[in-house]
Amino acid sequence: MRQRRKNQASQFSRFLVNLMISGGLLLVLSINIAACARTDVGELATRKPNFALEEFFAGNSVAFGIFEDRFGNLRRQFRVNLSGKVDGNRLVLNEEFLYDDGERATRVWTIDRGGLDTAGLMTFQGQADDVKLAARGVQAGNALNWQYDISLEMSGTNVDVHFDDWIYKQDEDVAINRAFVTKFGVEIGSVTIVFIRGKTASNLWPLSLDEWPSR
């Protein structure tokens, strides 16, 4: 009996030690995740050149993009013709896609400029047919951060995913878009897009969307 109690006490002690170690690992993991969280867009307020969403996408522009899975493997490539019209505080942005597997797609964004949030940053709200609810964006400095849920085709199946979408203006006519795609809070891939507008795009627009370039 005494030996059994001793064994039970030893097992309980090991359990407590393992629990403390596990708790410590979880704490370290949560700290590391918090440390790796993406920058709040407000911290980019001093970045130049200043990005004005409506101005950048007014008129004709083109884009080239890729989708990578969470391991960095290239899954899809695409090219886009964009045409934007501004009416007051509203931007209507028509996007026509061609993917490297020959698929064609369109999306029409209706984006409204809102007011300033509590931090004094400009807000936006956007709607599109495949976007669940309303996309919400905040602009500061050379950046715009979008948050929205969208139905994305993956391996022939439509999957509802969340986009954490960042656009960074690099030059008068060039912006880079990085979007991080998650499902149930787990990152499953990312999208990288280069937008080209204005005089820089005038020799490219419209891109041929008849078939993917073979050479």
Protein backbone atom coordinates (compact mmCIF):
# COMPACT_ATOMS: atom_id res chain seq x y z
CA MET A 1 0.00 0.00 0.00
CA ARG A 2 2.81 2.37 0.97
CA GLN A 3 4.64 1.58 -2.29
CA ARG A 4 1.47 2.18 -4.35
CA ARG A 5 0.93 5.56 -2.67
CA LYS A 6 4.55 6.42 -3.39
CA ASN A 7 4.08 5.51 -7.07
CA GLN A 8 0.87 7.53 -7.26
CA ALA A 9 2.61 10.54 -5.71
CA SER A 10 5.47 10.17 -8.18
CA GLN A 11 3.06 9.97 -11.10
CA PHE A 12 1.18 13.03 -9.85
CA SER A 13 4.45 14.95 -9.50
CA ARG A 14 5.42 14.08 -13.07
CA PHE A 15 1.95 15.18 -14.20
CA LEU A 16 2.37 18.56 -12.50
CA VAL A 17 5.83 19.02 -14.02
CA ASN A 18 4.53 18.15 -17.50
CA LEU A 19 1.59 20.51 -17.00
CA MET A 20 3.92 23.33 -15.98
CA ILE A 21 6.20 22.66 -18.96
CA SER A 22 3.22 22.55 -21.33
CA GLY A 23 1.87 25.77 -19.85
CA GLY A 24 5.24 27.40 -20.27
CA LEU A 25 5.49 26.28 -23.88
CA LEU A 26 2.00 27.60 -24.60
CA LEU A 27 2.91 30.92 -23.01
CA VAL A 28 6.10 31.18 -25.07
CA LEU A 29 4.17 30.21 -28.20
CA SER A 30 1.48 32.82 -27.57
CA ILE A 31 4.14 35.48 -26.97
CA ASN A 32 5.91 34.53 -30.20
CA ILE A 33 2.63 34.63 -32.15
CA ALA A 34 1.83 38.06 -30.71
CA ALA A 35 5.34 39.26 -31.58
CA CYS A 36 4.90 38.04 -35.16
CA ALA A 37 1.51 39.70 -35.63
CA ARG A 38 1.35 41.99 -38.64
CA THR A 39 1.85 45.72 -38.15
CA ASP A 40 -1.15 47.89 -37.44
CA VAL A 41 -1.76 50.02 -40.51
CA GLY A 42 -1.64 53.17 -38.37
CA GLU A 43 2.08 52.59 -37.82
CA LEU A 44 2.64 53.24 -41.54
CA ALA A 45 1.21 56.78 -41.42
CA THR A 46 4.56 58.41 -42.26
CA ARG A 47 5.36 56.12 -45.19
CA LYS A 48 5.55 57.69 -48.64
CA PRO A 49 4.29 58.07 -51.32
CA ASN A 50 0.81 58.67 -49.91
CA PHE A 51 -1.81 56.21 -51.14
CA ALA A 52 -5.26 57.48 -52.13
CA LEU A 53 -7.40 54.51 -53.14
CA GLU A 54 -9.83 56.28 -55.48
CA GLU A 55 -7.13 58.27 -57.24
CA PHE A 56 -4.92 55.25 -57.81
CA PHE A 57 -7.63 53.04 -59.31
CA ALA A 58 -9.46 55.72 -61.32
CA GLY A 59 -9.18 54.96 -65.03
CA ASN A 60 -7.50 51.92 -66.56
CA SER A 61 -4.89 49.76 -64.88
CA VAL A 62 -3.47 46.25 -65.11
CA ALA A 63 -2.24 43.69 -62.59
CA PHE A 64 -0.17 40.53 -62.48
CA GLY A 65 -0.52 38.11 -59.59
CA ILE A 66 0.25 34.71 -58.07
CA PHE A 67 -1.32 32.52 -55.41
CA GLU A 68 1.01 30.43 -53.19
CA ASP A 69 0.03 27.81 -50.64
CA ARG A 70 1.23 28.05 -47.04
CA PHE A 71 4.45 26.19 -47.96
CA GLY A 72 5.34 28.76 -50.63
CA ASN A 73 4.43 26.55 -53.57
CA LEU A 74 3.06 28.35 -56.63
CA ARG A 75 -0.54 27.25 -57.22
CA ARG A 76 -2.01 29.76 -59.67
CA GLN A 77 -0.99 32.74 -61.76
CA PHE A 78 -3.31 35.41 -63.10
CA ARG A 79 -3.49 38.72 -64.93
CA VAL A 80 -6.15 41.40 -64.60
CA ASN A 81 -7.57 44.33 -66.54
CA LEU A 82 -9.06 46.94 -64.20
CA SER A 83 -11.28 49.91 -64.98
CA GLY A 84 -12.30 52.33 -62.25
CA LYS A 85 -14.84 55.14 -62.14
CA VAL A 86 -15.12 57.65 -59.31
CA ASP A 87 -18.37 59.39 -58.40
CA GLY A 88 -18.04 61.53 -55.30
CA ASN A 89 -16.89 59.27 -52.45
CA ARG A 90 -17.61 56.07 -54.41
CA LEU A 91 -15.24 54.03 -56.56
CA VAL A 92 -16.67 51.35 -58.87
CA LEU A 93 -13.82 49.04 -59.88
CA ASN A 94 -14.35 46.44 -62.61
CA GLU A 95 -11.83 43.57 -62.61
CA GLU A 96 -11.45 41.00 -65.42
CA PHE A 97 -9.22 37.99 -64.66
CA LEU A 98 -7.43 35.38 -66.72
CA TYR A 99 -5.80 32.48 -64.83
CA ASP A 100 -2.97 30.33 -66.13
CA ASP A 101 -5.32 27.33 -66.47
CA GLY A 102 -7.50 29.33 -68.88
CA GLU A 103 -10.26 30.23 -66.41
CA ARG A 104 -11.88 33.65 -66.85
CA ALA A 105 -13.55 35.58 -64.02
CA THR A 106 -14.88 39.03 -63.24
CA ARG A 107 -15.44 40.98 -60.05
CA VAL A 108 -17.00 44.42 -59.60
CA TRP A 109 -16.10 46.28 -56.41
CA THR A 110 -18.23 49.14 -55.12
CA ILE A 111 -16.07 50.97 -52.61
CA ASP A 112 -17.24 53.89 -50.47
CA ARG A 113 -14.97 56.26 -48.62
CA GLY A 114 -16.15 56.61 -45.02
CA GLY A 115 -15.08 58.99 -42.32
CA LEU A 116 -12.15 59.01 -39.94
CA ASP A 117 -11.97 56.33 -37.26
CA THR A 118 -11.08 56.95 -33.62
CA ALA A 119 -7.38 56.96 -34.52
CA GLY A 120 -7.92 59.60 -37.22
CA LEU A 121 -7.40 57.15 -40.10
CA MET A 122 -9.51 57.13 -43.27
CA THR A 123 -11.93 54.20 -43.54
CA PHE A 124 -13.46 52.44 -46.55
CA GLN A 125 -16.24 49.92 -47.09
CA GLY A 126 -16.49 47.66 -50.13
CA GLN A 127 -18.98 45.26 -51.67
CA ALA A 128 -18.65 42.60 -54.40
CA ASP A 129 -20.79 39.61 -55.38
CA ASP A 130 -18.40 36.98 -53.97
CA VAL A 131 -17.50 38.96 -50.83
CA LYS A 132 -19.37 37.98 -47.69
CA LEU A 133 -20.85 40.97 -45.85
CA ALA A 134 -18.83 44.16 -46.41
CA ALA A 135 -15.08 44.51 -46.78
CA ARG A 136 -13.65 47.06 -44.38
CA GLY A 137 -10.47 49.00 -45.04
CA VAL A 138 -8.27 51.51 -43.27
CA GLN A 139 -5.70 53.71 -45.03
CA ALA A 140 -2.57 55.31 -43.60
CA GLY A 141 0.56 56.61 -45.31
CA ASN A 142 1.35 54.50 -48.37
CA ALA A 143 -0.82 51.56 -47.25
CA LEU A 144 -4.37 50.28 -47.19
CA ASN A 145 -5.44 47.25 -45.14
CA TRP A 146 -8.58 45.35 -46.20
CA GLN A 147 -10.34 42.67 -44.17
CA TYR A 148 -13.01 40.52 -45.82
CA ASP A 149 -14.37 37.00 -46.35
CA ILE A 150 -14.62 35.65 -49.88
CA SER A 151 -15.53 32.47 -51.72
CA LEU A 152 -12.33 31.18 -53.33
CA GLU A 153 -12.07 28.31 -55.80
CA MET A 154 -9.50 25.75 -54.66
CA SER A 155 -9.00 22.43 -56.48
CA GLY A 156 -12.38 22.76 -58.17
CA THR A 157 -14.24 23.49 -54.92
CA ASN A 158 -15.49 26.84 -53.61
CA VAL A 159 -14.13 27.51 -50.13
CA ASP A 160 -15.06 30.45 -47.89
CA VAL A 161 -11.84 32.04 -46.63
CA HIS A 162 -10.71 35.22 -44.88
CA PHE A 163 -8.44 37.77 -46.57
CA ASP A 164 -6.07 40.06 -44.66
CA ASP A 165 -5.26 42.26 -47.64
CA TRP A 166 -2.48 44.89 -47.74
CA ILE A 167 -1.82 47.31 -50.62
CA TYR A 168 1.41 49.37 -50.57
CA LYS A 169 1.95 52.21 -53.03
CA GLN A 170 5.52 52.12 -54.35
CA ASP A 171 5.49 54.83 -56.98
CA GLU A 172 3.03 57.14 -58.72
CA ASP A 173 1.91 54.28 -60.99
CA VAL A 174 2.87 51.12 -59.05
CA ALA A 175 1.44 49.39 -55.97
CA ILE A 176 2.14 45.97 -54.47
CA ASN A 177 -0.61 43.91 -52.90
CA ARG A 178 0.02 41.15 -50.31
CA ALA A 179 -3.01 39.21 -49.09
CA PHE A 180 -2.84 36.51 -46.41
CA VAL A 181 -5.54 33.86 -46.75
CA THR A 182 -6.83 32.01 -43.68
CA LYS A 183 -9.45 29.37 -42.90
CA PHE A 184 -10.59 28.96 -39.27
CA GLY A 185 -7.71 31.23 -38.29
CA VAL A 186 -5.06 29.03 -39.97
CA GLU A 187 -3.09 30.54 -42.84
CA ILE A 188 -3.52 28.44 -46.00
CA GLY A 189 -1.81 30.65 -48.55
CA SER A 190 -1.01 34.12 -49.80
CA VAL A 191 -1.63 36.27 -52.86
CA THR A 192 0.90 38.70 -54.34
CA ILE A 193 -0.23 41.25 -56.94
CA VAL A 194 1.54 44.10 -58.73
CA PHE A 195 -0.82 46.90 -59.84
CA ILE A 196 0.27 49.21 -62.68
CA ARG A 197 -1.69 52.33 -63.62
CA GLY A 198 -1.49 55.66 -65.44
CA LYS A 199 1.15 56.35 -68.06
CA THR A 200 3.09 53.24 -67.01
CA ALA A 201 0.08 51.05 -67.87
CA SER A 202 -0.88 52.87 -71.07
CA ASN A 203 1.29 50.61 -73.23
CA LEU A 204 -0.08 47.46 -71.56
CA TRP A 205 -3.81 48.07 -71.17
CA PRO A 206 -5.83 46.16 -72.06
CA LEU A 207 -3.97 42.91 -71.46
CA SER A 208 -4.99 40.03 -73.71
CA LEU A 209 -7.31 37.76 -71.76
CA ASP A 210 -8.01 35.34 -74.63
CA GLU A 211 -5.45 32.78 -73.48
CA TRP A 212 -2.50 32.49 -71.14
CA PRO A 213 0.79 33.49 -72.81
CA SER A 214 2.63 30.44 -74.12
CA ARG A 215 5.97 32.14 -74.65
